[in-house]
Amino acid sequence: MQQTWDTFLLKKVSFFILDFIFWSLANMWHAIEVPIELFLRKRKKWSIKRKSSI
């Protein structure tokens, strides 16, 4: 019984750790993604401006 309880706890703990890692990675990716998206939008605007000025 003790061994099964230990493995159950281990699975539970590892699941929480994995969940937390994925959650933090998702948050990090979102934090990185937004500036990249804004930067790309700015570049598109710049390219449009350049084309119209020519």
C-alpha atoms as a PDB file:
ATOM      1  CA  MET A   1       0.000   0.000   0.000  1.00  0.00           C
ATOM      2  CA  GLN A   2       2.792   2.413   0.911  1.00  0.00           C
ATOM      3  CA  GLN A   3       4.485   2.016  -2.468  1.00  0.00           C
ATOM      4  CA  THR A   4       1.312   2.705  -4.441  1.00  0.00           C
ATOM      5  CA  TRP A   5       0.693   5.824  -2.322  1.00  0.00           C
ATOM      6  CA  ASP A   6       4.260   6.993  -3.022  1.00  0.00           C
ATOM      7  CA  THR A   7       3.887   6.478  -6.765  1.00  0.00           C
ATOM      8  CA  PHE A   8       0.503   8.227  -6.652  1.00  0.00           C
ATOM      9  CA  LEU A   9       2.076  11.207  -4.891  1.00  0.00           C
ATOM     10  CA  LEU A  10       4.998  11.190  -7.315  1.00  0.00           C
ATOM     11  CA  LYS A  11       2.646  11.207 -10.300  1.00  0.00           C
ATOM     12  CA  LYS A  12       0.598  13.978  -8.771  1.00  0.00           C
ATOM     13  CA  VAL A  13       3.655  16.112  -7.986  1.00  0.00           C
ATOM     14  CA  SER A  14       5.236  15.546 -11.401  1.00  0.00           C
ATOM     15  CA  PHE A  15       1.904  16.394 -13.061  1.00  0.00           C
ATOM     16  CA  PHE A  16       1.731  19.672 -11.120  1.00  0.00           C
ATOM     17  CA  ILE A  17       5.339  20.487 -12.023  1.00  0.00           C
ATOM     18  CA  LEU A  18       4.735  19.744 -15.716  1.00  0.00           C
ATOM     19  CA  ASP A  19       1.518  21.744 -15.642  1.00  0.00           C
ATOM     20  CA  PHE A  20       3.329  24.693 -14.081  1.00  0.00           C
ATOM     21  CA  ILE A  21       6.182  24.462 -16.607  1.00  0.00           C
ATOM     22  CA  PHE A  22       3.744  24.423 -19.534  1.00  0.00           C
ATOM     23  CA  TRP A  23       1.755  27.298 -18.029  1.00  0.00           C
ATOM     24  CA  SER A  24       4.872  29.429 -17.499  1.00  0.00           C
ATOM     25  CA  LEU A  25       6.110  28.574 -21.003  1.00  0.00           C
ATOM     26  CA  ALA A  26       2.757  29.617 -22.450  1.00  0.00           C
ATOM     27  CA  ASN A  27       2.904  32.885 -20.520  1.00  0.00           C
ATOM     28  CA  MET A  28       6.486  33.485 -21.622  1.00  0.00           C
ATOM     29  CA  TRP A  29       5.561  32.757 -25.246  1.00  0.00           C
ATOM     30  CA  HIS A  30       2.642  35.186 -24.996  1.00  0.00           C
ATOM     31  CA  ALA A  31       4.972  37.830 -23.527  1.00  0.00           C
ATOM     32  CA  ILE A  32       7.411  37.282 -26.422  1.00  0.00           C
ATOM     33  CA  GLU A  33       4.724  36.922 -29.079  1.00  0.00           C
ATOM     34  CA  VAL A  34       3.012  40.281 -28.534  1.00  0.00           C
ATOM     35  CA  PRO A  35       6.087  42.503 -29.150  1.00  0.00           C
ATOM     36  CA  ILE A  36       6.996  40.392 -32.209  1.00  0.00           C
ATOM     37  CA  GLU A  37       3.486  40.850 -33.588  1.00  0.00           C
ATOM     38  CA  LEU A  38       3.612  44.611 -32.972  1.00  0.00           C
ATOM     39  CA  PHE A  39       7.063  44.786 -34.559  1.00  0.00           C
ATOM     40  CA  LEU A  40       5.857  42.910 -37.652  1.00  0.00           C
ATOM     41  CA  ARG A  41       2.826  45.190 -37.932  1.00  0.00           C
ATOM     42  CA  LYS A  42       5.106  48.250 -37.767  1.00  0.00           C
ATOM     43  CA  ARG A  43       7.325  46.787 -40.466  1.00  0.00           C
ATOM     44  CA  LYS A  44       4.289  46.193 -42.673  1.00  0.00           C
ATOM     45  CA  LYS A  45       3.213  49.805 -42.149  1.00  0.00           C
ATOM     46  CA  TRP A  46       6.725  51.017 -42.966  1.00  0.00           C
ATOM     47  CA  SER A  47       6.834  48.955 -46.165  1.00  0.00           C
ATOM     48  CA  ILE A  48       3.420  50.341 -47.180  1.00  0.00           C
ATOM     49  CA  LYS A  49       4.626  53.902 -46.492  1.00  0.00           C
ATOM     50  CA  ARG A  50       7.783  53.350 -48.541  1.00  0.00           C
ATOM     51  CA  LYS A  51       5.816  51.971 -51.488  1.00  0.00           C
ATOM     52  CA  SER A  52       3.371  54.888 -51.430  1.00  0.00           C
ATOM     53  CA  SER A  53       6.202  57.461 -51.228  1.00  0.00           C
ATOM     54  CA  ILE A  54       7.957  56.034 -54.318  1.00  0.00           C
END
